[in-house]
Amino acid sequence: HEDERHILLAELDEGRMDMVFTDTKDFLTSQMEAYRMGLNKTFAVAHKSFKKQKKDFPGCLNSIPFFNYTKESFLKYEIELFFRKNNISPQVIGQADDMDLFELITKHALAFTIVPEVAKNRLCQNTDVIVLGELKELQTSVWGVIKKSYRGLGYLLLNQKL
């Protein structure tokens, strides 16, 4: 179930959900506990026809068209900071928040995309898609959040008792 974070946390607080995964511990109530689950890494991926540019990562991103996220995306803001820091200004050919569209754009060599690790793994199942590089500055922690009173499967998972 995906929704805005505050809605998910409210549902957790009201007992309608057992667990929420999030990238920040901000705004948790005193009734909630957060457990660090790992890192969420971010990668630039492209069609294999851009393979020769890979050796100059991240500078190579200037020479490949880019398909971006919409203005509402937190990741878009982080990407813009990464581009500014590294003096990168690729030609933006479009924007969306639909991973299927990102996959289509990438597979057809129309642009590079920047995606979380889970999406990268899915896209790279296609042998025509390669990883240009990891955007290490965009790593975030992944937190599992439960109510302190909860002792179900989510609690066992977060406490590594499963």
N, C-alpha and C. Protein backbone atom coordinates (compact mmCIF):
# COMPACT_ATOMS: atom_id res chain seq x y z
N HIS A 1 0.85 -1.18 0.00
CA HIS A 1 0.00 0.00 0.00
C HIS A 1 0.89 1.23 0.00
N GLU A 2 0.79 2.07 -1.04
CA GLU A 2 1.57 3.31 -1.10
C GLU A 2 0.63 4.48 -0.98
N ASP A 3 1.05 5.48 -0.22
CA ASP A 3 0.27 6.69 -0.06
C ASP A 3 1.22 7.76 0.45
N GLU A 4 0.70 8.94 0.70
CA GLU A 4 1.54 9.96 1.30
C GLU A 4 1.94 9.51 2.69
N ARG A 5 3.15 9.84 3.07
CA ARG A 5 3.74 9.36 4.32
C ARG A 5 2.87 9.68 5.54
N HIS A 6 2.37 10.91 5.64
CA HIS A 6 1.59 11.29 6.81
C HIS A 6 0.30 10.47 6.92
N ILE A 7 -0.27 10.10 5.79
CA ILE A 7 -1.48 9.27 5.80
C ILE A 7 -1.14 7.86 6.29
N LEU A 8 -0.02 7.32 5.81
CA LEU A 8 0.39 5.99 6.25
C LEU A 8 0.68 5.97 7.74
N LEU A 9 1.37 7.00 8.24
CA LEU A 9 1.67 7.06 9.68
C LEU A 9 0.39 7.20 10.51
N ALA A 10 -0.58 7.95 10.00
CA ALA A 10 -1.86 8.08 10.71
C ALA A 10 -2.58 6.73 10.76
N GLU A 11 -2.55 5.99 9.66
CA GLU A 11 -3.18 4.67 9.64
C GLU A 11 -2.46 3.71 10.59
N LEU A 12 -1.14 3.82 10.66
CA LEU A 12 -0.38 3.01 11.61
C LEU A 12 -0.77 3.36 13.04
N ASP A 13 -0.85 4.65 13.31
CA ASP A 13 -1.19 5.13 14.65
C ASP A 13 -2.59 4.67 15.08
N GLU A 14 -3.51 4.59 14.10
CA GLU A 14 -4.88 4.18 14.39
C GLU A 14 -5.06 2.66 14.37
N GLY A 15 -3.98 1.93 14.12
CA GLY A 15 -4.04 0.47 14.14
C GLY A 15 -4.56 -0.17 12.87
N ARG A 16 -4.69 0.60 11.79
CA ARG A 16 -5.18 0.04 10.52
C ARG A 16 -4.05 -0.57 9.69
N MET A 17 -2.80 -0.35 10.12
CA MET A 17 -1.63 -0.95 9.47
C MET A 17 -0.72 -1.47 10.57
N ASP A 18 0.07 -2.49 10.23
CA ASP A 18 1.01 -3.04 11.20
C ASP A 18 2.38 -2.38 11.12
N MET A 19 2.78 -1.96 9.91
CA MET A 19 4.12 -1.45 9.72
C MET A 19 4.17 -0.50 8.53
N VAL A 20 5.07 0.49 8.60
CA VAL A 20 5.30 1.43 7.51
C VAL A 20 6.80 1.47 7.25
N PHE A 21 7.19 1.46 5.98
CA PHE A 21 8.59 1.66 5.60
C PHE A 21 8.73 3.09 5.10
N THR A 22 9.76 3.78 5.57
CA THR A 22 9.94 5.19 5.24
C THR A 22 11.43 5.53 5.19
N ASP A 23 11.75 6.69 4.63
CA ASP A 23 13.15 7.10 4.53
C ASP A 23 13.56 8.11 5.60
N THR A 24 12.69 8.37 6.56
CA THR A 24 13.03 9.30 7.63
C THR A 24 12.26 8.94 8.90
N LYS A 25 12.85 9.30 10.03
CA LYS A 25 12.17 9.08 11.32
C LYS A 25 11.41 10.33 11.76
N ASP A 26 11.39 11.35 10.94
CA ASP A 26 10.72 12.60 11.29
C ASP A 26 9.22 12.38 11.52
N PHE A 27 8.69 13.12 12.48
CA PHE A 27 7.26 13.19 12.76
C PHE A 27 6.63 11.89 13.25
N LEU A 28 7.43 11.01 13.86
CA LEU A 28 6.84 9.82 14.47
C LEU A 28 6.25 10.23 15.81
N THR A 29 5.16 9.60 16.19
CA THR A 29 4.56 9.90 17.50
C THR A 29 5.33 9.15 18.58
N SER A 30 5.06 9.50 19.82
CA SER A 30 5.72 8.82 20.95
C SER A 30 5.26 7.37 21.07
N GLN A 31 4.20 7.01 20.35
CA GLN A 31 3.68 5.63 20.37
C GLN A 31 4.35 4.74 19.33
N MET A 32 5.31 5.30 18.56
CA MET A 32 5.92 4.56 17.46
C MET A 32 7.41 4.31 17.72
N GLU A 33 7.90 3.22 17.12
CA GLU A 33 9.32 2.87 17.15
C GLU A 33 9.80 2.70 15.73
N ALA A 34 11.05 3.15 15.46
CA ALA A 34 11.64 3.00 14.13
C ALA A 34 12.87 2.12 14.22
N TYR A 35 13.00 1.22 13.26
CA TYR A 35 14.14 0.31 13.17
C TYR A 35 14.82 0.52 11.82
N ARG A 36 16.13 0.75 11.84
CA ARG A 36 16.87 0.96 10.59
C ARG A 36 16.98 -0.38 9.87
N MET A 37 16.48 -0.42 8.63
CA MET A 37 16.45 -1.66 7.85
C MET A 37 17.63 -1.76 6.87
N GLY A 38 18.18 -0.62 6.48
CA GLY A 38 19.26 -0.64 5.51
C GLY A 38 19.33 0.66 4.75
N LEU A 39 20.01 0.62 3.60
CA LEU A 39 20.19 1.80 2.77
C LEU A 39 19.35 1.69 1.51
N ASN A 40 18.85 2.82 1.06
CA ASN A 40 18.19 2.92 -0.23
C ASN A 40 19.16 3.65 -1.14
N LYS A 41 19.72 2.94 -2.10
CA LYS A 41 20.70 3.53 -3.02
C LYS A 41 19.99 4.01 -4.29
N THR A 42 20.65 4.92 -5.00
CA THR A 42 20.08 5.51 -6.21
C THR A 42 21.08 5.39 -7.35
N PHE A 43 20.59 5.03 -8.54
CA PHE A 43 21.47 4.76 -9.68
C PHE A 43 21.00 5.47 -10.94
N ALA A 44 21.97 5.82 -11.78
CA ALA A 44 21.68 6.30 -13.13
C ALA A 44 21.76 5.08 -14.05
N VAL A 45 20.70 4.84 -14.81
CA VAL A 45 20.66 3.71 -15.73
C VAL A 45 20.36 4.22 -17.14
N ALA A 46 20.83 3.45 -18.13
CA ALA A 46 20.64 3.84 -19.53
C ALA A 46 20.68 2.61 -20.42
N HIS A 47 20.37 2.81 -21.68
CA HIS A 47 20.48 1.75 -22.67
C HIS A 47 21.96 1.44 -22.89
N LYS A 48 22.27 0.20 -23.24
CA LYS A 48 23.66 -0.22 -23.42
C LYS A 48 24.37 0.55 -24.54
N SER A 49 23.63 1.21 -25.41
CA SER A 49 24.26 2.01 -26.47
C SER A 49 25.04 3.20 -25.90
N PHE A 50 24.78 3.54 -24.62
CA PHE A 50 25.51 4.62 -23.95
C PHE A 50 26.68 4.10 -23.12
N LYS A 51 27.04 2.84 -23.32
CA LYS A 51 28.06 2.19 -22.47
C LYS A 51 29.41 2.91 -22.51
N LYS A 52 29.80 3.44 -23.67
CA LYS A 52 31.13 4.08 -23.76
C LYS A 52 31.22 5.33 -22.88
N GLN A 53 30.09 5.99 -22.62
CA GLN A 53 30.10 7.18 -21.76
C GLN A 53 30.24 6.83 -20.28
N LYS A 54 29.98 5.58 -19.93
CA LYS A 54 29.95 5.14 -18.53
C LYS A 54 31.25 5.45 -17.79
N LYS A 55 32.39 5.35 -18.48
CA LYS A 55 33.69 5.51 -17.80
C LYS A 55 33.88 6.92 -17.25
N ASP A 56 33.12 7.89 -17.76
CA ASP A 56 33.24 9.29 -17.32
C ASP A 56 32.08 9.68 -16.39
N PHE A 57 31.63 8.74 -15.55
CA PHE A 57 30.51 9.03 -14.65
C PHE A 57 31.00 9.88 -13.49
N PRO A 58 30.30 10.93 -13.07
CA PRO A 58 28.98 11.38 -13.52
C PRO A 58 29.01 12.38 -14.68
N GLY A 59 30.22 12.81 -15.10
CA GLY A 59 30.31 13.80 -16.17
C GLY A 59 29.59 13.40 -17.44
N CYS A 60 29.53 12.10 -17.72
CA CYS A 60 28.88 11.62 -18.94
C CYS A 60 27.40 11.97 -19.00
N LEU A 61 26.81 12.28 -17.85
CA LEU A 61 25.38 12.59 -17.83
C LEU A 61 25.06 13.87 -18.59
N ASN A 62 26.08 14.72 -18.83
CA ASN A 62 25.88 15.93 -19.63
C ASN A 62 25.61 15.60 -21.10
N SER A 63 26.09 14.45 -21.56
CA SER A 63 26.01 14.14 -22.99
C SER A 63 24.89 13.16 -23.35
N ILE A 64 24.07 12.79 -22.37
CA ILE A 64 22.96 11.86 -22.61
C ILE A 64 21.66 12.56 -22.21
N PRO A 65 20.61 12.48 -23.03
CA PRO A 65 19.33 13.07 -22.62
C PRO A 65 18.85 12.43 -21.31
N PHE A 66 18.05 13.19 -20.55
CA PHE A 66 17.60 12.75 -19.23
C PHE A 66 16.09 12.80 -19.15
N PHE A 67 15.50 11.77 -18.56
CA PHE A 67 14.07 11.74 -18.28
C PHE A 67 13.90 11.87 -16.78
N ASN A 68 13.25 12.95 -16.34
CA ASN A 68 13.22 13.35 -14.93
C ASN A 68 11.89 13.01 -14.25
N TYR A 69 11.86 13.23 -12.95
CA TYR A 69 10.64 13.10 -12.15
C TYR A 69 9.86 14.41 -12.22
N THR A 70 8.60 14.37 -11.81
CA THR A 70 7.79 15.58 -11.80
C THR A 70 8.21 16.48 -10.64
N LYS A 71 7.68 17.67 -10.62
CA LYS A 71 8.03 18.65 -9.58
C LYS A 71 7.64 18.19 -8.17
N GLU A 72 6.65 17.32 -8.06
CA GLU A 72 6.17 16.89 -6.75
C GLU A 72 7.10 15.88 -6.07
N SER A 73 8.10 15.40 -6.78
CA SER A 73 8.93 14.32 -6.28
C SER A 73 10.09 14.81 -5.41
N PHE A 74 10.26 14.18 -4.24
CA PHE A 74 11.41 14.46 -3.37
C PHE A 74 12.70 14.10 -4.10
N LEU A 75 12.68 13.00 -4.84
CA LEU A 75 13.88 12.56 -5.55
C LEU A 75 14.31 13.59 -6.59
N LYS A 76 13.35 14.26 -7.22
CA LYS A 76 13.70 15.28 -8.22
C LYS A 76 14.53 16.39 -7.59
N TYR A 77 14.15 16.82 -6.41
CA TYR A 77 14.89 17.86 -5.70
C TYR A 77 16.31 17.39 -5.41
N GLU A 78 16.46 16.16 -4.94
CA GLU A 78 17.78 15.61 -4.63
C GLU A 78 18.64 15.48 -5.89
N ILE A 79 18.02 15.09 -6.99
CA ILE A 79 18.74 14.97 -8.26
C ILE A 79 19.25 16.34 -8.71
N GLU A 80 18.40 17.36 -8.59
CA GLU A 80 18.81 18.71 -8.99
C GLU A 80 20.00 19.18 -8.16
N LEU A 81 20.01 18.88 -6.86
CA LEU A 81 21.17 19.22 -6.02
C LEU A 81 22.41 18.48 -6.48
N PHE A 82 22.27 17.20 -6.81
CA PHE A 82 23.39 16.40 -7.31
C PHE A 82 23.94 16.99 -8.60
N PHE A 83 23.04 17.34 -9.53
CA PHE A 83 23.47 17.94 -10.79
C PHE A 83 24.22 19.24 -10.56
N ARG A 84 23.68 20.11 -9.69
CA ARG A 84 24.34 21.39 -9.40
C ARG A 84 25.73 21.18 -8.82
N LYS A 85 25.83 20.29 -7.86
CA LYS A 85 27.11 20.03 -7.19
C LYS A 85 28.16 19.51 -8.17
N ASN A 86 27.73 18.73 -9.15
CA ASN A 86 28.65 18.12 -10.11
C ASN A 86 28.70 18.83 -11.46
N ASN A 87 28.12 20.04 -11.54
CA ASN A 87 28.09 20.81 -12.79
C ASN A 87 27.53 20.01 -13.96
N ILE A 88 26.41 19.38 -13.72
CA ILE A 88 25.75 18.56 -14.75
C ILE A 88 24.45 19.25 -15.14
N SER A 89 24.24 19.39 -16.44
CA SER A 89 22.98 19.97 -16.92
C SER A 89 22.55 19.25 -18.20
N PRO A 90 22.01 18.04 -18.04
CA PRO A 90 21.60 17.27 -19.21
C PRO A 90 20.35 17.87 -19.86
N GLN A 91 20.16 17.52 -21.12
CA GLN A 91 18.93 17.92 -21.80
C GLN A 91 17.79 17.07 -21.24
N VAL A 92 16.79 17.71 -20.65
CA VAL A 92 15.64 17.00 -20.08
C VAL A 92 14.60 16.83 -21.19
N ILE A 93 14.25 15.57 -21.47
CA ILE A 93 13.30 15.31 -22.56
C ILE A 93 11.88 15.06 -22.08
N GLY A 94 11.69 15.02 -20.77
CA GLY A 94 10.36 14.80 -20.23
C GLY A 94 10.42 14.47 -18.76
N GLN A 95 9.23 14.31 -18.16
CA GLN A 95 9.17 13.96 -16.75
C GLN A 95 7.89 13.21 -16.43
N ALA A 96 8.00 12.34 -15.43
CA ALA A 96 6.86 11.53 -14.98
C ALA A 96 7.21 10.94 -13.63
N ASP A 97 6.30 10.18 -13.06
CA ASP A 97 6.57 9.45 -11.82
C ASP A 97 6.18 7.99 -11.96
N ASP A 98 6.01 7.52 -13.18
CA ASP A 98 5.57 6.16 -13.46
C ASP A 98 6.79 5.31 -13.84
N MET A 99 7.13 4.32 -13.01
CA MET A 99 8.31 3.48 -13.26
C MET A 99 8.21 2.72 -14.57
N ASP A 100 7.00 2.36 -15.00
CA ASP A 100 6.85 1.68 -16.29
C ASP A 100 7.27 2.59 -17.43
N LEU A 101 6.96 3.87 -17.32
CA LEU A 101 7.37 4.84 -18.34
C LEU A 101 8.89 5.04 -18.30
N PHE A 102 9.47 5.11 -17.10
CA PHE A 102 10.92 5.21 -16.97
C PHE A 102 11.60 4.02 -17.65
N GLU A 103 11.03 2.84 -17.44
CA GLU A 103 11.58 1.62 -18.03
C GLU A 103 11.51 1.69 -19.56
N LEU A 104 10.39 2.12 -20.09
CA LEU A 104 10.21 2.24 -21.53
C LEU A 104 11.21 3.22 -22.14
N ILE A 105 11.35 4.38 -21.53
CA ILE A 105 12.29 5.42 -22.00
C ILE A 105 13.72 4.88 -22.00
N THR A 106 14.08 4.17 -20.92
CA THR A 106 15.44 3.64 -20.79
C THR A 106 15.69 2.52 -21.79
N LYS A 107 14.77 1.57 -21.91
CA LYS A 107 14.95 0.42 -22.81
C LYS A 107 15.06 0.83 -24.27
N HIS A 108 14.41 1.93 -24.63
CA HIS A 108 14.42 2.36 -26.03
C HIS A 108 15.49 3.41 -26.31
N ALA A 109 16.44 3.57 -25.39
CA ALA A 109 17.61 4.44 -25.58
C ALA A 109 17.23 5.90 -25.82
N LEU A 110 16.09 6.33 -25.26
CA LEU A 110 15.67 7.72 -25.43
C LEU A 110 16.34 8.65 -24.43
N ALA A 111 16.72 8.10 -23.24
CA ALA A 111 17.32 8.94 -22.20
C ALA A 111 17.86 8.04 -21.09
N PHE A 112 18.67 8.65 -20.21
CA PHE A 112 19.02 7.94 -18.98
C PHE A 112 18.00 8.33 -17.93
N THR A 113 17.83 7.47 -16.95
CA THR A 113 16.92 7.74 -15.84
C THR A 113 17.68 7.50 -14.53
N ILE A 114 17.18 8.10 -13.47
CA ILE A 114 17.77 7.93 -12.15
C ILE A 114 16.71 7.27 -11.28
N VAL A 115 17.05 6.09 -10.75
CA VAL A 115 16.05 5.28 -10.07
C VAL A 115 16.60 4.69 -8.77
N PRO A 116 15.70 4.38 -7.82
CA PRO A 116 16.12 3.67 -6.61
C PRO A 116 16.60 2.26 -6.95
N GLU A 117 17.32 1.66 -6.02
CA GLU A 117 17.94 0.35 -6.25
C GLU A 117 16.94 -0.73 -6.67
N VAL A 118 15.77 -0.74 -6.07
CA VAL A 118 14.76 -1.76 -6.41
C VAL A 118 14.37 -1.64 -7.88
N ALA A 119 14.15 -0.41 -8.35
CA ALA A 119 13.79 -0.20 -9.75
C ALA A 119 14.98 -0.52 -10.66
N LYS A 120 16.19 -0.18 -10.23
CA LYS A 120 17.40 -0.50 -11.01
C LYS A 120 17.49 -2.00 -11.22
N ASN A 121 17.26 -2.76 -10.17
CA ASN A 121 17.34 -4.23 -10.29
C ASN A 121 16.31 -4.75 -11.29
N ARG A 122 15.12 -4.16 -11.28
CA ARG A 122 14.08 -4.58 -12.23
C ARG A 122 14.47 -4.20 -13.66
N LEU A 123 14.92 -2.96 -13.86
CA LEU A 123 15.29 -2.51 -15.19
C LEU A 123 16.46 -3.30 -15.76
N CYS A 124 17.43 -3.64 -14.91
CA CYS A 124 18.63 -4.34 -15.38
C CYS A 124 18.40 -5.82 -15.66
N GLN A 125 17.19 -6.32 -15.41
CA GLN A 125 16.87 -7.67 -15.85
C GLN A 125 16.84 -7.72 -17.37
N ASN A 126 16.60 -6.57 -17.99
CA ASN A 126 16.69 -6.44 -19.44
C ASN A 126 18.16 -6.23 -19.79
N THR A 127 18.73 -7.10 -20.60
CA THR A 127 20.17 -7.04 -20.90
C THR A 127 20.55 -5.81 -21.73
N ASP A 128 19.58 -5.07 -22.24
CA ASP A 128 19.87 -3.84 -22.97
C ASP A 128 20.07 -2.65 -22.04
N VAL A 129 19.81 -2.81 -20.74
CA VAL A 129 19.92 -1.72 -19.77
C VAL A 129 21.18 -1.91 -18.93
N ILE A 130 21.94 -0.81 -18.77
CA ILE A 130 23.16 -0.85 -17.97
C ILE A 130 23.11 0.21 -16.87
N VAL A 131 23.93 0.02 -15.86
CA VAL A 131 24.09 1.01 -14.80
C VAL A 131 25.24 1.93 -15.20
N LEU A 132 24.97 3.23 -15.30
CA LEU A 132 26.04 4.19 -15.58
C LEU A 132 26.85 4.46 -14.32
N GLY A 133 26.16 4.48 -13.17
CA GLY A 133 26.85 4.71 -11.90
C GLY A 133 25.87 4.92 -10.77
N GLU A 134 26.41 4.87 -9.55
CA GLU A 134 25.61 5.12 -8.36
C GLU A 134 25.76 6.58 -7.95
N LEU A 135 24.65 7.20 -7.57
CA LEU A 135 24.67 8.56 -7.04
C LEU A 135 24.78 8.44 -5.52
N LYS A 136 26.01 8.28 -5.05
CA LYS A 136 26.23 7.97 -3.62
C LYS A 136 25.67 9.04 -2.70
N GLU A 137 25.63 10.28 -3.17
CA GLU A 137 25.10 11.38 -2.35
C GLU A 137 23.61 11.23 -2.07
N LEU A 138 22.94 10.40 -2.85
CA LEU A 138 21.49 10.25 -2.70
C LEU A 138 21.09 9.05 -1.86
N GLN A 139 22.04 8.42 -1.17
CA GLN A 139 21.70 7.30 -0.29
C GLN A 139 20.85 7.79 0.87
N THR A 140 19.82 7.03 1.19
CA THR A 140 19.00 7.33 2.36
C THR A 140 18.80 6.06 3.16
N SER A 141 18.54 6.22 4.44
CA SER A 141 18.24 5.06 5.28
C SER A 141 16.80 4.64 5.06
N VAL A 142 16.55 3.35 5.20
CA VAL A 142 15.19 2.82 5.15
C VAL A 142 14.83 2.40 6.56
N TRP A 143 13.69 2.89 7.04
CA TRP A 143 13.24 2.62 8.40
C TRP A 143 11.94 1.83 8.37
N GLY A 144 11.85 0.83 9.24
CA GLY A 144 10.60 0.13 9.48
C GLY A 144 9.99 0.71 10.74
N VAL A 145 8.75 1.16 10.66
CA VAL A 145 8.10 1.83 11.80
C VAL A 145 6.89 1.00 12.23
N ILE A 146 6.80 0.76 13.54
CA ILE A 146 5.66 0.06 14.13
C ILE A 146 5.22 0.80 15.38
N LYS A 147 4.04 0.47 15.86
CA LYS A 147 3.60 1.00 17.16
C LYS A 147 4.37 0.25 18.25
N LYS A 148 4.72 0.96 19.31
CA LYS A 148 5.48 0.35 20.41
C LYS A 148 4.75 -0.84 21.02
N SER A 149 3.43 -0.81 20.98
CA SER A 149 2.64 -1.89 21.59
C SER A 149 2.48 -3.10 20.68
N TYR A 150 2.89 -2.99 19.42
CA TYR A 150 2.69 -4.06 18.43
C TYR A 150 3.73 -5.16 18.60
N ARG A 151 3.29 -6.42 18.59
CA ARG A 151 4.21 -7.55 18.73
C ARG A 151 3.93 -8.64 17.69
N GLY A 152 3.40 -8.27 16.54
CA GLY A 152 3.08 -9.23 15.48
C GLY A 152 4.28 -9.55 14.59
N LEU A 153 4.00 -10.03 13.37
CA LEU A 153 5.05 -10.43 12.44
C LEU A 153 6.01 -9.30 12.11
N GLY A 154 5.50 -8.08 11.96
CA GLY A 154 6.36 -6.94 11.67
C GLY A 154 7.38 -6.70 12.78
N TYR A 155 6.95 -6.84 14.02
CA TYR A 155 7.86 -6.70 15.16
C TYR A 155 8.95 -7.76 15.09
N LEU A 156 8.54 -9.00 14.82
CA LEU A 156 9.52 -10.10 14.73
C LEU A 156 10.50 -9.86 13.59
N LEU A 157 10.00 -9.37 12.46
CA LEU A 157 10.86 -9.07 11.31
C LEU A 157 11.86 -7.97 11.66
N LEU A 158 11.37 -6.88 12.23
CA LEU A 158 12.24 -5.75 12.54
C LEU A 158 13.26 -6.08 13.62
N ASN A 159 12.94 -7.00 14.48
CA ASN A 159 13.85 -7.41 15.55
C ASN A 159 14.64 -8.67 15.18
N GLN A 160 14.58 -9.03 13.91
CA GLN A 160 15.32 -10.16 13.35
C GLN A 160 15.08 -11.46 14.12
N LYS A 161 13.82 -11.67 14.47
CA LYS A 161 13.46 -12.90 15.17
C LYS A 161 12.73 -13.87 14.25
N LEU A 162 12.68 -13.55 12.97
CA LEU A 162 12.05 -14.45 11.99
C LEU A 162 13.11 -15.16 11.20
